[in-house]
Amino acid sequence: MDKIKDRKAAISARVKEHYDYLVLMDRNNMSNMIRMFGAENMNKVSMLLDRDVADPWYTGNFDVTYDDVLRGCTGLLQAILDDAR
């Protein structure tokens, strides 16, 4: 159990330090990030869409997931370009 805690701390420190954007695909991941970083440290974390991305494991529909990811990545690219200006 201590190894898991140590790894979690190491991941959270590395992530905060090295990445500008942490993009999540569902609310479960958001909850995990809040637990990992604390709500006050969520400035780099956002959802890919304003809702959960369809998970083809459960839906069986890869086309919907592809459309969700494409839409989210297009929006993310635009946000990054806007931030760079």
N, C-alpha and C. Protein backbone atom coordinates (compact mmCIF):
# COMPACT_ATOMS: atom_id res chain seq x y z
N MET A 1 0.82 -1.20 0.00
CA MET A 1 0.00 0.00 0.00
C MET A 1 0.86 1.26 0.00
N ASP A 2 1.98 1.27 0.70
CA ASP A 2 2.84 2.45 0.73
C ASP A 2 3.41 2.75 -0.66
N LYS A 3 3.69 1.70 -1.45
CA LYS A 3 4.20 1.91 -2.80
C LYS A 3 3.18 2.65 -3.64
N ILE A 4 1.91 2.34 -3.47
CA ILE A 4 0.86 3.03 -4.22
C ILE A 4 0.81 4.50 -3.81
N LYS A 5 0.87 4.79 -2.53
CA LYS A 5 0.86 6.18 -2.07
C LYS A 5 2.08 6.92 -2.59
N ASP A 6 3.25 6.31 -2.53
CA ASP A 6 4.47 6.95 -3.02
C ASP A 6 4.38 7.23 -4.52
N ARG A 7 3.88 6.26 -5.27
CA ARG A 7 3.76 6.44 -6.71
C ARG A 7 2.76 7.55 -7.03
N LYS A 8 1.64 7.57 -6.30
CA LYS A 8 0.63 8.60 -6.50
C LYS A 8 1.22 9.98 -6.25
N ALA A 9 1.98 10.13 -5.20
CA ALA A 9 2.62 11.41 -4.89
C ALA A 9 3.61 11.80 -5.97
N ALA A 10 4.39 10.83 -6.45
CA ALA A 10 5.37 11.11 -7.50
C ALA A 10 4.69 11.51 -8.79
N ILE A 11 3.62 10.82 -9.14
CA ILE A 11 2.89 11.15 -10.37
C ILE A 11 2.31 12.55 -10.25
N SER A 12 1.68 12.86 -9.13
CA SER A 12 1.05 14.17 -9.01
C SER A 12 2.08 15.30 -9.06
N ALA A 13 3.24 15.09 -8.45
CA ALA A 13 4.28 16.12 -8.49
C ALA A 13 4.81 16.30 -9.90
N ARG A 14 5.07 15.19 -10.60
CA ARG A 14 5.56 15.27 -11.99
C ARG A 14 4.55 15.91 -12.91
N VAL A 15 3.31 15.53 -12.77
CA VAL A 15 2.26 16.05 -13.64
C VAL A 15 2.11 17.55 -13.46
N LYS A 16 2.04 17.98 -12.23
CA LYS A 16 1.89 19.42 -11.98
C LYS A 16 3.07 20.20 -12.54
N GLU A 17 4.24 19.63 -12.45
CA GLU A 17 5.45 20.33 -12.85
C GLU A 17 5.67 20.37 -14.35
N HIS A 18 5.36 19.30 -15.05
CA HIS A 18 5.78 19.15 -16.44
C HIS A 18 4.73 19.40 -17.51
N TYR A 19 3.47 19.41 -17.17
CA TYR A 19 2.44 19.51 -18.19
C TYR A 19 1.65 20.80 -18.05
N ASP A 20 1.27 21.36 -19.18
CA ASP A 20 0.46 22.58 -19.19
C ASP A 20 -1.03 22.27 -19.18
N TYR A 21 -1.40 21.14 -19.77
CA TYR A 21 -2.81 20.76 -19.88
C TYR A 21 -2.97 19.30 -19.46
N LEU A 22 -3.96 19.04 -18.64
CA LEU A 22 -4.36 17.68 -18.29
C LEU A 22 -5.82 17.57 -18.72
N VAL A 23 -6.06 16.78 -19.73
CA VAL A 23 -7.38 16.71 -20.34
C VAL A 23 -7.99 15.35 -20.03
N LEU A 24 -9.17 15.37 -19.45
CA LEU A 24 -9.82 14.16 -18.98
C LEU A 24 -11.05 13.86 -19.83
N MET A 25 -11.38 12.58 -19.90
CA MET A 25 -12.48 12.17 -20.77
C MET A 25 -13.77 11.86 -20.02
N ASP A 26 -13.71 11.76 -18.69
CA ASP A 26 -14.95 11.52 -17.96
C ASP A 26 -14.87 12.05 -16.53
N ARG A 27 -16.03 12.13 -15.91
CA ARG A 27 -16.13 12.71 -14.56
C ARG A 27 -15.43 11.85 -13.52
N ASN A 28 -15.36 10.54 -13.74
CA ASN A 28 -14.63 9.69 -12.79
C ASN A 28 -13.17 10.09 -12.73
N ASN A 29 -12.57 10.35 -13.89
CA ASN A 29 -11.18 10.79 -13.90
C ASN A 29 -11.04 12.15 -13.22
N MET A 30 -12.03 13.03 -13.39
CA MET A 30 -11.99 14.34 -12.74
C MET A 30 -12.01 14.16 -11.22
N SER A 31 -12.85 13.29 -10.74
CA SER A 31 -12.90 13.03 -9.29
C SER A 31 -11.56 12.50 -8.78
N ASN A 32 -10.95 11.62 -9.55
CA ASN A 32 -9.64 11.09 -9.16
C ASN A 32 -8.58 12.19 -9.12
N MET A 33 -8.60 13.09 -10.09
CA MET A 33 -7.63 14.19 -10.13
C MET A 33 -7.84 15.14 -8.96
N ILE A 34 -9.08 15.41 -8.62
CA ILE A 34 -9.35 16.28 -7.47
C ILE A 34 -8.80 15.65 -6.20
N ARG A 35 -8.99 14.34 -6.06
CA ARG A 35 -8.43 13.64 -4.88
C ARG A 35 -6.91 13.68 -4.91
N MET A 36 -6.32 13.55 -6.09
CA MET A 36 -4.87 13.49 -6.22
C MET A 36 -4.22 14.86 -5.99
N PHE A 37 -4.78 15.90 -6.60
CA PHE A 37 -4.16 17.23 -6.56
C PHE A 37 -4.77 18.16 -5.53
N GLY A 38 -6.03 17.91 -5.16
CA GLY A 38 -6.75 18.85 -4.32
C GLY A 38 -7.47 19.86 -5.21
N ALA A 39 -8.66 20.25 -4.83
CA ALA A 39 -9.50 21.13 -5.65
C ALA A 39 -8.82 22.46 -5.96
N GLU A 40 -7.96 22.91 -5.07
CA GLU A 40 -7.30 24.21 -5.27
C GLU A 40 -6.20 24.16 -6.33
N ASN A 41 -5.80 22.98 -6.75
CA ASN A 41 -4.71 22.82 -7.72
C ASN A 41 -5.18 22.29 -9.06
N MET A 42 -6.37 22.63 -9.46
CA MET A 42 -6.96 22.08 -10.68
C MET A 42 -6.86 23.01 -11.88
N ASN A 43 -5.99 24.02 -11.82
CA ASN A 43 -5.92 25.00 -12.89
C ASN A 43 -5.47 24.42 -14.22
N LYS A 44 -4.77 23.31 -14.24
CA LYS A 44 -4.31 22.69 -15.48
C LYS A 44 -5.24 21.58 -15.97
N VAL A 45 -6.25 21.26 -15.19
CA VAL A 45 -7.10 20.10 -15.48
C VAL A 45 -8.43 20.56 -16.05
N SER A 46 -8.85 19.91 -17.15
CA SER A 46 -10.16 20.19 -17.71
C SER A 46 -10.71 18.95 -18.40
N MET A 47 -11.99 18.98 -18.65
CA MET A 47 -12.64 17.91 -19.39
C MET A 47 -12.43 18.15 -20.89
N LEU A 48 -12.33 17.08 -21.67
CA LEU A 48 -12.20 17.21 -23.11
C LEU A 48 -13.46 17.83 -23.70
N LEU A 49 -14.61 17.44 -23.19
CA LEU A 49 -15.89 18.01 -23.60
C LEU A 49 -16.61 18.50 -22.35
N ASP A 50 -17.74 19.13 -22.53
CA ASP A 50 -18.52 19.58 -21.38
C ASP A 50 -19.36 18.44 -20.80
N ARG A 51 -19.12 17.24 -21.27
CA ARG A 51 -19.77 16.02 -20.78
C ARG A 51 -18.76 14.87 -20.94
N ASP A 52 -19.12 13.71 -20.43
CA ASP A 52 -18.24 12.54 -20.58
C ASP A 52 -18.14 12.14 -22.06
N VAL A 53 -16.95 11.72 -22.46
CA VAL A 53 -16.76 11.16 -23.80
C VAL A 53 -17.38 9.76 -23.79
N ALA A 54 -18.12 9.44 -24.85
CA ALA A 54 -18.74 8.12 -24.95
C ALA A 54 -17.66 7.04 -24.90
N ASP A 55 -17.82 6.07 -24.03
CA ASP A 55 -16.84 5.00 -23.86
C ASP A 55 -17.27 3.79 -24.68
N PRO A 56 -16.52 3.45 -25.73
CA PRO A 56 -16.95 2.35 -26.59
C PRO A 56 -16.93 0.99 -25.90
N TRP A 57 -16.23 0.90 -24.79
CA TRP A 57 -16.24 -0.36 -24.04
C TRP A 57 -17.67 -0.67 -23.59
N TYR A 58 -18.41 0.39 -23.22
CA TYR A 58 -19.78 0.22 -22.75
C TYR A 58 -20.81 0.40 -23.86
N THR A 59 -20.55 1.35 -24.78
CA THR A 59 -21.54 1.64 -25.81
C THR A 59 -21.42 0.72 -27.03
N GLY A 60 -20.20 0.21 -27.29
CA GLY A 60 -19.96 -0.57 -28.48
C GLY A 60 -19.92 0.26 -29.75
N ASN A 61 -20.00 1.58 -29.61
CA ASN A 61 -20.06 2.47 -30.77
C ASN A 61 -18.79 3.32 -30.86
N PHE A 62 -17.83 2.84 -31.61
CA PHE A 62 -16.56 3.54 -31.75
C PHE A 62 -16.70 4.82 -32.56
N ASP A 63 -17.67 4.88 -33.46
CA ASP A 63 -17.87 6.09 -34.27
C ASP A 63 -18.25 7.28 -33.40
N VAL A 64 -19.11 7.07 -32.43
CA VAL A 64 -19.51 8.16 -31.52
C VAL A 64 -18.30 8.62 -30.71
N THR A 65 -17.51 7.67 -30.22
CA THR A 65 -16.32 8.02 -29.45
C THR A 65 -15.33 8.80 -30.32
N TYR A 66 -15.13 8.35 -31.53
CA TYR A 66 -14.23 9.06 -32.46
C TYR A 66 -14.72 10.49 -32.66
N ASP A 67 -16.01 10.67 -32.90
CA ASP A 67 -16.56 12.02 -33.09
C ASP A 67 -16.36 12.87 -31.85
N ASP A 68 -16.58 12.29 -30.67
CA ASP A 68 -16.38 13.02 -29.41
C ASP A 68 -14.92 13.47 -29.27
N VAL A 69 -13.99 12.54 -29.50
CA VAL A 69 -12.57 12.85 -29.34
C VAL A 69 -12.13 13.88 -30.38
N LEU A 70 -12.58 13.74 -31.61
CA LEU A 70 -12.24 14.71 -32.65
C LEU A 70 -12.76 16.10 -32.29
N ARG A 71 -13.99 16.19 -31.85
CA ARG A 71 -14.58 17.47 -31.45
C ARG A 71 -13.80 18.07 -30.27
N GLY A 72 -13.50 17.24 -29.29
CA GLY A 72 -12.77 17.73 -28.12
C GLY A 72 -11.35 18.17 -28.45
N CYS A 73 -10.66 17.40 -29.28
CA CYS A 73 -9.29 17.76 -29.65
C CYS A 73 -9.24 19.01 -30.52
N THR A 74 -10.23 19.17 -31.38
CA THR A 74 -10.31 20.38 -32.19
C THR A 74 -10.49 21.60 -31.28
N GLY A 75 -11.36 21.48 -30.30
CA GLY A 75 -11.55 22.57 -29.34
C GLY A 75 -10.32 22.82 -28.50
N LEU A 76 -9.65 21.76 -28.09
CA LEU A 76 -8.42 21.90 -27.31
C LEU A 76 -7.34 22.62 -28.12
N LEU A 77 -7.17 22.22 -29.37
CA LEU A 77 -6.18 22.89 -30.22
C LEU A 77 -6.50 24.36 -30.35
N GLN A 78 -7.76 24.70 -30.55
CA GLN A 78 -8.13 26.11 -30.66
C GLN A 78 -7.84 26.86 -29.37
N ALA A 79 -8.11 26.25 -28.23
CA ALA A 79 -7.83 26.89 -26.94
C ALA A 79 -6.33 27.10 -26.76
N ILE A 80 -5.52 26.13 -27.15
CA ILE A 80 -4.06 26.27 -27.05
C ILE A 80 -3.56 27.39 -27.95
N LEU A 81 -4.09 27.44 -29.17
CA LEU A 81 -3.69 28.52 -30.10
C LEU A 81 -4.13 29.88 -29.57
N ASP A 82 -5.32 29.95 -28.99
CA ASP A 82 -5.78 31.21 -28.41
C ASP A 82 -4.92 31.64 -27.24
N ASP A 83 -4.49 30.67 -26.40
CA ASP A 83 -3.62 30.98 -25.27
C ASP A 83 -2.26 31.49 -25.72
N ALA A 84 -1.81 31.02 -26.88
CA ALA A 84 -0.49 31.39 -27.38
C ALA A 84 -0.46 32.82 -27.95
N ARG A 85 -1.62 33.36 -28.24
CA ARG A 85 -1.69 34.71 -28.83
C ARG A 85 -1.59 35.79 -27.81
